[in-house]
Amino acid sequence: VNILLGNAETEAALEMHFPAPRLVFETDALIALGGADFSAALDGARLEKWRPAGVKAGSALRFPERKAGARAYLAVRG
């Protein structure tokens, strides 16, 4: 997921198990998700895995349902 954002492959990423946290972004960001399918939703809209997504400050990222896999990964550009 780091490579999708132009980050170095070795940059930190958040590894999550289900149930995953609810995350609220304090600043605008560019993110990418990979790994398990936890039905990610950004402000209620489904968020695709393996694609960069712009996030506005104040947006909430939720993972309401485990559909497949055991570990999801979240990377933030920069």
Protein backbone atom coordinates (compact mmCIF):
# COMPACT_ATOMS: atom_id res chain seq x y z
CA VAL A 1 0.00 0.00 0.00
CA ASN A 2 2.92 2.36 0.55
CA ILE A 3 4.00 2.02 -3.07
CA LEU A 4 0.51 3.08 -4.24
CA LEU A 5 1.06 6.39 -2.46
CA GLY A 6 4.62 7.03 -3.59
CA ASN A 7 6.03 6.19 -0.15
CA ALA A 8 9.10 4.04 0.30
CA GLU A 9 8.25 0.36 0.60
CA THR A 10 9.76 0.34 4.09
CA GLU A 11 7.68 3.24 5.49
CA ALA A 12 5.39 2.52 8.42
CA ALA A 13 1.83 1.30 7.83
CA LEU A 14 -0.92 0.44 10.27
CA GLU A 15 -1.71 -3.28 10.54
CA MET A 16 -5.24 -3.92 11.82
CA HIS A 17 -7.13 -6.97 13.02
CA PHE A 18 -10.91 -7.14 13.23
CA PRO A 19 -12.60 -5.41 14.92
CA ALA A 20 -10.57 -2.52 13.54
CA PRO A 21 -10.57 1.00 14.98
CA ARG A 22 -12.70 3.95 13.89
CA LEU A 23 -10.25 6.58 12.66
CA VAL A 24 -10.98 10.31 12.35
CA PHE A 25 -8.53 12.33 10.25
CA GLU A 26 -7.29 15.61 11.72
CA THR A 27 -5.90 16.83 8.38
CA ASP A 28 -6.47 16.15 4.69
CA ALA A 29 -4.60 13.01 3.63
CA LEU A 30 -4.03 10.56 0.83
CA ILE A 31 -4.46 6.97 2.02
CA ALA A 32 -4.50 3.43 0.66
CA LEU A 33 -5.86 0.19 2.10
CA GLY A 34 -4.80 -3.37 1.37
CA GLY A 35 -5.02 -6.86 2.78
CA ALA A 36 -8.20 -8.13 4.44
CA ASP A 37 -11.66 -6.91 3.47
CA PHE A 38 -13.21 -5.29 6.54
CA SER A 39 -15.85 -3.41 4.49
CA ALA A 40 -13.99 -0.10 4.84
CA ALA A 41 -16.24 2.96 4.67
CA LEU A 42 -15.19 6.59 4.60
CA ASP A 43 -18.02 8.79 5.90
CA GLY A 44 -20.41 5.95 5.04
CA ALA A 45 -19.20 5.42 1.44
CA ARG A 46 -17.44 2.16 0.55
CA LEU A 47 -13.68 2.57 0.17
CA GLU A 48 -11.92 0.38 -2.39
CA LYS A 49 -8.74 -1.49 -1.50
CA TRP A 50 -5.51 -1.13 -3.49
CA ARG A 51 -6.38 2.40 -4.71
CA PRO A 52 -5.28 5.77 -3.36
CA ALA A 53 -8.12 7.77 -1.81
CA GLY A 54 -8.26 11.40 -0.75
CA VAL A 55 -9.53 12.03 2.76
CA LYS A 56 -10.72 15.39 4.10
CA ALA A 57 -10.04 16.60 7.62
CA GLY A 58 -12.81 15.45 9.93
CA SER A 59 -13.65 12.37 7.84
CA ALA A 60 -14.21 9.09 9.67
CA LEU A 61 -12.92 5.75 8.42
CA ARG A 62 -14.80 2.71 9.76
CA PHE A 63 -14.48 -1.03 9.33
CA PRO A 64 -17.95 -2.40 10.15
CA GLU A 65 -17.77 -6.00 8.90
CA ARG A 66 -15.11 -8.64 8.31
CA LYS A 67 -15.75 -10.20 4.90
CA ALA A 68 -12.42 -11.91 4.18
CA GLY A 69 -8.90 -12.13 5.53
CA ALA A 70 -7.32 -11.52 8.91
CA ARG A 71 -5.15 -8.38 8.59
CA ALA A 72 -5.83 -5.10 6.83
CA TYR A 73 -3.19 -2.47 6.14
CA LEU A 74 -3.53 1.31 6.04
CA ALA A 75 -0.84 3.62 4.67
CA VAL A 76 -0.80 7.43 4.60
CA ARG A 77 1.17 9.38 2.03
CA GLY A 78 4.27 11.00 3.48
